C-alpha atoms as a PDB file:
ATOM      1  CA  UNK A   1      -5.212 -26.001   0.766  1.00  0.00           C
ATOM      2  CA  UNK A   2      -3.026 -27.454   3.496  1.00  0.00           C
ATOM      3  CA  UNK A   3      -4.863 -28.697   6.546  1.00  0.00           C
ATOM      4  CA  UNK A   4      -2.628 -26.619   8.815  1.00  0.00           C
ATOM      5  CA  UNK A   5      -3.501 -23.360   7.036  1.00  0.00           C
ATOM      6  CA  UNK A   6      -4.692 -20.319   8.920  1.00  0.00           C
ATOM      7  CA  UNK A   7      -8.274 -19.112   8.855  1.00  0.00           C
ATOM      8  CA  UNK A   8      -9.092 -16.168   6.591  1.00  0.00           C
ATOM      9  CA  UNK A   9     -10.642 -12.820   7.475  1.00  0.00           C
ATOM     10  CA  UNK A  10     -12.002 -11.186   4.304  1.00  0.00           C
ATOM     11  CA  UNK A  11     -12.334  -7.397   4.218  1.00  0.00           C
ATOM     12  CA  UNK A  12     -14.572  -5.943   1.510  1.00  0.00           C
ATOM     13  CA  UNK A  13     -13.905  -2.697  -0.277  1.00  0.00           C
ATOM     14  CA  UNK A  14     -15.770   0.487   0.579  1.00  0.00           C
ATOM     15  CA  UNK A  15     -19.534   0.161   0.315  1.00  0.00           C
ATOM     16  CA  UNK A  16     -19.429  -3.406  -0.978  1.00  0.00           C
ATOM     17  CA  UNK A  17     -21.692  -6.107   0.496  1.00  0.00           C
ATOM     18  CA  UNK A  18     -20.412  -9.308   2.059  1.00  0.00           C
ATOM     19  CA  UNK A  19     -21.988 -11.511  -0.634  1.00  0.00           C
ATOM     20  CA  UNK A  20     -19.309 -10.509  -3.144  1.00  0.00           C
ATOM     21  CA  UNK A  21     -17.095 -13.145  -1.486  1.00  0.00           C
ATOM     22  CA  UNK A  22     -19.602 -16.030  -1.676  1.00  0.00           C
ATOM     23  CA  UNK A  23     -18.279 -17.719  -4.814  1.00  0.00           C
ATOM     24  CA  UNK A  24     -14.649 -17.345  -3.802  1.00  0.00           C
ATOM     25  CA  UNK A  25     -15.422 -18.849  -0.392  1.00  0.00           C
ATOM     26  CA  UNK A  26     -17.161 -21.759  -2.108  1.00  0.00           C
ATOM     27  CA  UNK A  27     -14.068 -22.422  -4.225  1.00  0.00           C
ATOM     28  CA  UNK A  28     -11.779 -22.252  -1.179  1.00  0.00           C
ATOM     29  CA  UNK A  29     -13.920 -24.905   0.476  1.00  0.00           C
ATOM     30  CA  UNK A  30     -15.500 -25.621   3.814  1.00  0.00           C
ATOM     31  CA  UNK A  31     -12.343 -27.153   5.264  1.00  0.00           C
ATOM     32  CA  UNK A  32     -10.951 -23.628   5.615  1.00  0.00           C
ATOM     33  CA  UNK A  33     -12.627 -21.142   7.941  1.00  0.00           C
ATOM     34  CA  UNK A  34     -13.451 -17.942   6.049  1.00  0.00           C
ATOM     35  CA  UNK A  35     -15.156 -14.980   7.702  1.00  0.00           C
ATOM     36  CA  UNK A  36     -16.226 -11.712   6.089  1.00  0.00           C
ATOM     37  CA  UNK A  37     -15.460  -8.854   8.449  1.00  0.00           C
ATOM     38  CA  UNK A  38     -18.549  -6.933   9.611  1.00  0.00           C
ATOM     39  CA  UNK A  39     -18.856  -3.176   9.468  1.00  0.00           C
ATOM     40  CA  UNK A  40     -19.899  -0.862  12.294  1.00  0.00           C
ATOM     41  CA  UNK A  41     -23.382   0.505  11.677  1.00  0.00           C
ATOM     42  CA  UNK A  42     -22.928   4.000  13.071  1.00  0.00           C
ATOM     43  CA  UNK A  43     -22.787   6.832  10.541  1.00  0.00           C
ATOM     44  CA  UNK A  44     -20.118   8.433  12.737  1.00  0.00           C
ATOM     45  CA  UNK A  45     -17.863   5.351  12.801  1.00  0.00           C
ATOM     46  CA  UNK A  46     -14.130   5.959  12.571  1.00  0.00           C
ATOM     47  CA  UNK A  47     -11.506   3.845  10.805  1.00  0.00           C
ATOM     48  CA  UNK A  48     -10.520   2.339  14.146  1.00  0.00           C
ATOM     49  CA  UNK A  49     -14.130   1.236  14.710  1.00  0.00           C
ATOM     50  CA  UNK A  50     -13.941  -0.759  11.471  1.00  0.00           C
ATOM     51  CA  UNK A  51     -10.691  -2.374  12.547  1.00  0.00           C
ATOM     52  CA  UNK A  52     -12.009  -3.213  16.018  1.00  0.00           C
ATOM     53  CA  UNK A  53     -15.225  -4.703  14.594  1.00  0.00           C
ATOM     54  CA  UNK A  54     -13.129  -6.927  12.337  1.00  0.00           C
ATOM     55  CA  UNK A  55     -10.836  -7.975  15.192  1.00  0.00           C
ATOM     56  CA  UNK A  56     -13.857  -8.910  17.308  1.00  0.00           C
ATOM     57  CA  UNK A  57     -15.105 -11.147  14.467  1.00  0.00           C
ATOM     58  CA  UNK A  58     -11.860 -13.093  14.034  1.00  0.00           C
ATOM     59  CA  UNK A  59     -12.790 -16.792  14.172  1.00  0.00           C
ATOM     60  CA  UNK A  60      -9.425 -17.957  15.521  1.00  0.00           C
ATOM     61  CA  UNK A  61      -6.509 -16.602  17.543  1.00  0.00           C
ATOM     62  CA  UNK A  62      -4.639 -15.828  14.339  1.00  0.00           C
ATOM     63  CA  UNK A  63      -5.937 -15.084  10.853  1.00  0.00           C
ATOM     64  CA  UNK A  64      -4.686 -14.232   7.410  1.00  0.00           C
ATOM     65  CA  UNK A  65      -6.128 -10.869   6.401  1.00  0.00           C
ATOM     66  CA  UNK A  66      -7.404 -10.654   2.821  1.00  0.00           C
ATOM     67  CA  UNK A  67      -8.137  -6.989   2.188  1.00  0.00           C
ATOM     68  CA  UNK A  68      -9.801  -5.853  -1.022  1.00  0.00           C
ATOM     69  CA  UNK A  69      -9.741  -2.265  -2.283  1.00  0.00           C
ATOM     70  CA  UNK A  70     -10.316   0.116   0.673  1.00  0.00           C
ATOM     71  CA  UNK A  71     -10.426  -2.985   2.851  1.00  0.00           C
ATOM     72  CA  UNK A  72      -6.652  -2.803   2.557  1.00  0.00           C
ATOM     73  CA  UNK A  73      -6.728   0.336   4.717  1.00  0.00           C
ATOM     74  CA  UNK A  74      -8.775  -1.433   7.392  1.00  0.00           C
ATOM     75  CA  UNK A  75      -6.480  -4.465   7.214  1.00  0.00           C
ATOM     76  CA  UNK A  76      -3.462  -2.182   7.633  1.00  0.00           C
ATOM     77  CA  UNK A  77      -5.002  -0.751  10.792  1.00  0.00           C
ATOM     78  CA  UNK A  78      -5.835  -4.218  12.137  1.00  0.00           C
ATOM     79  CA  UNK A  79      -2.203  -5.274  11.709  1.00  0.00           C
ATOM     80  CA  UNK A  80      -1.119  -2.267  13.765  1.00  0.00           C
ATOM     81  CA  UNK A  81      -3.744  -2.654  16.488  1.00  0.00           C
ATOM     82  CA  UNK A  82      -3.499  -6.438  16.915  1.00  0.00           C
ATOM     83  CA  UNK A  83      -0.227  -7.632  15.350  1.00  0.00           C
ATOM     84  CA  UNK A  84      -0.246 -10.827  17.423  1.00  0.00           C
ATOM     85  CA  UNK A  85      -3.536 -11.836  15.763  1.00  0.00           C
ATOM     86  CA  UNK A  86      -2.296 -11.434  12.174  1.00  0.00           C
ATOM     87  CA  UNK A  87      -0.479 -14.379  10.583  1.00  0.00           C
ATOM     88  CA  UNK A  88      -0.337 -12.839   7.110  1.00  0.00           C
ATOM     89  CA  UNK A  89      -1.714 -10.025   4.961  1.00  0.00           C
ATOM     90  CA  UNK A  90      -2.813 -10.486   1.355  1.00  0.00           C
ATOM     91  CA  UNK A  91      -3.949  -7.307  -0.399  1.00  0.00           C
ATOM     92  CA  UNK A  92      -6.267  -7.716  -3.409  1.00  0.00           C
ATOM     93  CA  UNK A  93      -6.440  -4.702  -5.734  1.00  0.00           C
ATOM     94  CA  UNK A  94      -6.091  -2.805  -2.475  1.00  0.00           C
ATOM     95  CA  UNK A  95      -5.250   0.647  -1.183  1.00  0.00           C
ATOM     96  CA  UNK A  96      -2.393   0.376   1.315  1.00  0.00           C
ATOM     97  CA  UNK A  97      -1.284   3.737   2.748  1.00  0.00           C
ATOM     98  CA  UNK A  98       2.221   4.268   4.081  1.00  0.00           C
ATOM     99  CA  UNK A  99       2.655   4.506   7.857  1.00  0.00           C
ATOM    100  CA  UNK A 100       0.609   7.400   9.240  1.00  0.00           C
ATOM    101  CA  UNK A 101      -1.394   7.737   6.026  1.00  0.00           C
ATOM    102  CA  UNK A 102      -5.055   7.471   5.119  1.00  0.00           C
ATOM    103  CA  UNK A 103      -7.107   6.378   2.129  1.00  0.00           C
ATOM    104  CA  UNK A 104      -7.223   9.965   0.853  1.00  0.00           C
ATOM    105  CA  UNK A 105      -3.581  10.806   1.543  1.00  0.00           C
ATOM    106  CA  UNK A 106      -2.455   7.609  -0.216  1.00  0.00           C
ATOM    107  CA  UNK A 107      -3.814   8.884  -3.519  1.00  0.00           C
ATOM    108  CA  UNK A 108      -1.517  10.835  -5.834  1.00  0.00           C
ATOM    109  CA  UNK A 109      -1.858  14.568  -6.353  1.00  0.00           C
ATOM    110  CA  UNK A 110      -4.138  15.982  -7.766  1.00  0.00           C
ATOM    111  CA  UNK A 111      -6.432  12.947  -7.383  1.00  0.00           C
ATOM    112  CA  UNK A 112      -6.487  13.273  -3.603  1.00  0.00           C
ATOM    113  CA  UNK A 113      -7.651  16.887  -3.800  1.00  0.00           C
ATOM    114  CA  UNK A 114     -10.409  16.046  -6.260  1.00  0.00           C
ATOM    115  CA  UNK A 115     -11.485  13.033  -4.191  1.00  0.00           C
ATOM    116  CA  UNK A 116     -11.512  14.996  -0.946  1.00  0.00           C
ATOM    117  CA  UNK A 117     -13.578  17.806  -2.439  1.00  0.00           C
ATOM    118  CA  UNK A 118     -16.010  15.407  -4.122  1.00  0.00           C
ATOM    119  CA  UNK A 119     -16.663  13.562  -0.847  1.00  0.00           C
ATOM    120  CA  UNK A 120     -17.134  16.816   1.026  1.00  0.00           C
ATOM    121  CA  UNK A 121     -19.780  18.153  -1.341  1.00  0.00           C
ATOM    122  CA  UNK A 122     -21.358  15.028  -2.870  1.00  0.00           C
ATOM    123  CA  UNK A 123     -20.926  12.381  -0.201  1.00  0.00           C
ATOM    124  CA  UNK A 124     -19.151   9.043  -0.399  1.00  0.00           C
ATOM    125  CA  UNK A 125     -21.476   7.083  -2.672  1.00  0.00           C
ATOM    126  CA  UNK A 126     -20.206   7.134  -6.262  1.00  0.00           C
ATOM    127  CA  UNK A 127     -22.677   7.861  -9.063  1.00  0.00           C
ATOM    128  CA  UNK A 128     -24.360   4.814 -10.576  1.00  0.00           C
ATOM    129  CA  UNK A 129     -22.648   5.554 -13.888  1.00  0.00           C
ATOM    130  CA  UNK A 130     -19.210   5.417 -12.218  1.00  0.00           C
ATOM    131  CA  UNK A 131     -20.014   2.102 -10.557  1.00  0.00           C
ATOM    132  CA  UNK A 132     -21.042   0.614 -13.894  1.00  0.00           C
ATOM    133  CA  UNK A 133     -18.086   2.009 -15.827  1.00  0.00           C
ATOM    134  CA  UNK A 134     -15.251   1.578 -13.335  1.00  0.00           C
ATOM    135  CA  UNK A 135     -15.923  -0.401 -10.154  1.00  0.00           C
ATOM    136  CA  UNK A 136     -18.045  -3.098 -11.839  1.00  0.00           C
ATOM    137  CA  UNK A 137     -16.271  -3.198 -15.191  1.00  0.00           C
ATOM    138  CA  UNK A 138     -16.205  -6.733 -16.599  1.00  0.00           C
ATOM    139  CA  UNK A 139     -19.256  -7.978 -14.689  1.00  0.00           C
ATOM    140  CA  UNK A 140     -22.637  -9.262 -15.820  1.00  0.00           C
ATOM    141  CA  UNK A 141     -25.429  -6.693 -15.850  1.00  0.00           C
ATOM    142  CA  UNK A 142     -27.547  -8.446 -13.217  1.00  0.00           C
ATOM    143  CA  UNK A 143     -24.606  -8.588 -10.824  1.00  0.00           C
ATOM    144  CA  UNK A 144     -23.951  -4.894 -11.419  1.00  0.00           C
ATOM    145  CA  UNK A 145     -27.583  -4.050 -10.683  1.00  0.00           C
ATOM    146  CA  UNK A 146     -27.384  -5.987  -7.425  1.00  0.00           C
ATOM    147  CA  UNK A 147     -24.146  -4.233  -6.464  1.00  0.00           C
ATOM    148  CA  UNK A 148     -25.700  -0.833  -7.031  1.00  0.00           C
ATOM    149  CA  UNK A 149     -28.786  -1.806  -5.027  1.00  0.00           C
ATOM    150  CA  UNK A 150     -26.728  -3.105  -2.083  1.00  0.00           C
ATOM    151  CA  UNK A 151     -23.981  -0.474  -2.073  1.00  0.00           C
ATOM    152  CA  UNK A 152     -23.699   1.179   1.367  1.00  0.00           C
ATOM    153  CA  UNK A 153     -21.846   4.518   1.626  1.00  0.00           C
ATOM    154  CA  UNK A 154     -19.129   4.691   4.271  1.00  0.00           C
ATOM    155  CA  UNK A 155     -18.692   7.657   6.629  1.00  0.00           C
ATOM    156  CA  UNK A 156     -16.161  10.351   5.745  1.00  0.00           C
ATOM    157  CA  UNK A 157     -13.830   9.261   8.546  1.00  0.00           C
ATOM    158  CA  UNK A 158     -13.379   5.869   6.884  1.00  0.00           C
ATOM    159  CA  UNK A 159     -11.483   7.637   4.108  1.00  0.00           C
ATOM    160  CA  UNK A 160      -9.866  10.479   6.062  1.00  0.00           C
ATOM    161  CA  UNK A 161      -8.651   8.832   9.290  1.00  0.00           C
ATOM    162  CA  UNK A 162      -4.970   8.018   9.457  1.00  0.00           C
ATOM    163  CA  UNK A 163      -3.610   4.621  10.379  1.00  0.00           C
ATOM    164  CA  UNK A 164      -3.013   3.841  14.033  1.00  0.00           C
ATOM    165  CA  UNK A 165       0.462   3.755  15.533  1.00  0.00           C
ATOM    166  CA  UNK A 166       2.162   0.396  15.731  1.00  0.00           C
ATOM    167  CA  UNK A 167       4.061  -2.039  13.571  1.00  0.00           C
ATOM    168  CA  UNK A 168       3.592  -5.568  12.306  1.00  0.00           C
ATOM    169  CA  UNK A 169       6.040  -8.012  10.795  1.00  0.00           C
ATOM    170  CA  UNK A 170       4.765 -10.977   8.840  1.00  0.00           C
ATOM    171  CA  UNK A 171       4.161 -12.436   5.348  1.00  0.00           C
ATOM    172  CA  UNK A 172       2.749  -9.885   2.916  1.00  0.00           C
ATOM    173  CA  UNK A 173       1.374 -10.416  -0.568  1.00  0.00           C
ATOM    174  CA  UNK A 174      -0.324  -8.328  -3.229  1.00  0.00           C
ATOM    175  CA  UNK A 175      -2.718  -9.471  -5.972  1.00  0.00           C
ATOM    176  CA  UNK A 176      -3.040  -7.006  -8.857  1.00  0.00           C
ATOM    177  CA  UNK A 177      -6.021  -6.794 -11.219  1.00  0.00           C
ATOM    178  CA  UNK A 178      -4.552  -5.874 -14.577  1.00  0.00           C
ATOM    179  CA  UNK A 179      -7.778  -4.721 -16.315  1.00  0.00           C
ATOM    180  CA  UNK A 180      -8.805  -2.511 -13.377  1.00  0.00           C
ATOM    181  CA  UNK A 181     -10.575   0.750 -14.261  1.00  0.00           C
ATOM    182  CA  UNK A 182     -11.179   1.693 -10.620  1.00  0.00           C
ATOM    183  CA  UNK A 183      -7.603   1.406  -9.332  1.00  0.00           C
ATOM    184  CA  UNK A 184      -5.035   1.610 -12.143  1.00  0.00           C
ATOM    185  CA  UNK A 185      -2.291  -1.040 -12.141  1.00  0.00           C
ATOM    186  CA  UNK A 186       0.382   1.660 -11.698  1.00  0.00           C
ATOM    187  CA  UNK A 187      -1.258   2.713  -8.427  1.00  0.00           C
ATOM    188  CA  UNK A 188      -1.545  -0.898  -7.360  1.00  0.00           C
ATOM    189  CA  UNK A 189       2.227  -1.221  -7.774  1.00  0.00           C
ATOM    190  CA  UNK A 190       2.664   1.748  -5.439  1.00  0.00           C
ATOM    191  CA  UNK A 191       0.420   0.166  -2.831  1.00  0.00           C
ATOM    192  CA  UNK A 192       2.219  -3.176  -3.121  1.00  0.00           C
ATOM    193  CA  UNK A 193       5.440  -1.294  -2.372  1.00  0.00           C
ATOM    194  CA  UNK A 194       3.805   0.467   0.598  1.00  0.00           C
ATOM    195  CA  UNK A 195       2.809  -2.937   1.947  1.00  0.00           C
ATOM    196  CA  UNK A 196       6.285  -4.340   1.397  1.00  0.00           C
ATOM    197  CA  UNK A 197       4.816  -7.284  -0.484  1.00  0.00           C
ATOM    198  CA  UNK A 198       7.394  -9.976  -1.163  1.00  0.00           C
ATOM    199  CA  UNK A 199       4.810 -12.240  -2.856  1.00  0.00           C
ATOM    200  CA  UNK A 200       2.875 -10.915  -5.851  1.00  0.00           C
ATOM    201  CA  UNK A 201       0.451 -12.305  -8.414  1.00  0.00           C
ATOM    202  CA  UNK A 202      -1.744 -10.886 -11.203  1.00  0.00           C
ATOM    203  CA  UNK A 203      -5.314 -11.607 -12.267  1.00  0.00           C
ATOM    204  CA  UNK A 204      -6.571 -10.406 -15.655  1.00  0.00           C
ATOM    205  CA  UNK A 205      -9.772  -8.916 -14.236  1.00  0.00           C
ATOM    206  CA  UNK A 206     -11.339  -5.632 -13.327  1.00  0.00           C
ATOM    207  CA  UNK A 207     -11.550  -4.335  -9.768  1.00  0.00           C
ATOM    208  CA  UNK A 208     -13.757  -7.154  -8.464  1.00  0.00           C
ATOM    209  CA  UNK A 209     -11.893 -10.412  -9.140  1.00  0.00           C
ATOM    210  CA  UNK A 210     -13.982 -12.224  -6.512  1.00  0.00           C
ATOM    211  CA  UNK A 211     -16.969 -11.785  -8.856  1.00  0.00           C
ATOM    212  CA  UNK A 212     -15.273 -11.893 -12.250  1.00  0.00           C
ATOM    213  CA  UNK A 213     -12.907 -14.801 -11.567  1.00  0.00           C
ATOM    214  CA  UNK A 214     -13.773 -16.311  -8.153  1.00  0.00           C
ATOM    215  CA  UNK A 215     -11.946 -19.579  -8.875  1.00  0.00           C
ATOM    216  CA  UNK A 216      -8.801 -17.721  -9.896  1.00  0.00           C
ATOM    217  CA  UNK A 217      -8.880 -15.564  -6.791  1.00  0.00           C
ATOM    218  CA  UNK A 218      -9.501 -18.595  -4.578  1.00  0.00           C
ATOM    219  CA  UNK A 219      -6.504 -20.365  -6.131  1.00  0.00           C
ATOM    220  CA  UNK A 220      -4.364 -17.266  -5.589  1.00  0.00           C
ATOM    221  CA  UNK A 221      -5.368 -16.938  -1.932  1.00  0.00           C
ATOM    222  CA  UNK A 222      -4.672 -20.653  -1.492  1.00  0.00           C
ATOM    223  CA  UNK A 223      -1.230 -20.296  -3.064  1.00  0.00           C
ATOM    224  CA  UNK A 224      -0.308 -17.434  -0.717  1.00  0.00           C
ATOM    225  CA  UNK A 225      -1.419 -19.280   2.409  1.00  0.00           C
ATOM    226  CA  UNK A 226       0.229 -22.527   1.322  1.00  0.00           C
ATOM    227  CA  UNK A 227       3.504 -20.704   0.689  1.00  0.00           C
ATOM    228  CA  UNK A 228       3.246 -19.214   4.182  1.00  0.00           C
ATOM    229  CA  UNK A 229       2.903 -22.741   5.570  1.00  0.00           C
ATOM    230  CA  UNK A 230       5.951 -23.977   3.618  1.00  0.00           C
ATOM    231  CA  UNK A 231       8.053 -21.027   4.804  1.00  0.00           C
ATOM    232  CA  UNK A 232       7.054 -21.691   8.405  1.00  0.00           C
ATOM    233  CA  UNK A 233       8.156 -25.348   8.283  1.00  0.00           C
END
């Protein structure tokens, strides 16, 4: 990666622990500052609380946001709340609502109705069987067991709160996972369009490329940031 590259702020998907990024960070290398955004600990935390916690953890004045899955919603809010701090936005198999939208509202009908009702009556932690079949598809059994053990349910507001007001203009990219059982590729195309991604790549993985192909994801992140640097010259 170029020595003048920006630092990276990594935003995990809903419920996922920070260690999912460890191998990808190792492949990116110590010469680049990578920080995994923390989560607020309150059970009543709102979407904005997640964004503000991430902003407070930014290691430099400007960062490239790398938002995975529902982390794309948080990244979208960060870009609206602190546009001067965001040098670029790379979505990885991510949900990116349109302006004024939320995680739930970004889903197609009737999925959004089913999802909303399921969260209301069963909570926000998916069944273990769904994690194994969809979220963790393509992963080793021991890694899946660890994911299930460390999964932390998010509050309802994380999914239902709408994005903050504000705009941001900067480099945008989208990385699709083509064997994804959690977020179908057709939906990923919709979210890439919502983001306005002018730079796109594909990885032949399930929903967690940072665990299934950490080297490939690291190379893809590097390529996005390096292209940003070339465009800025």
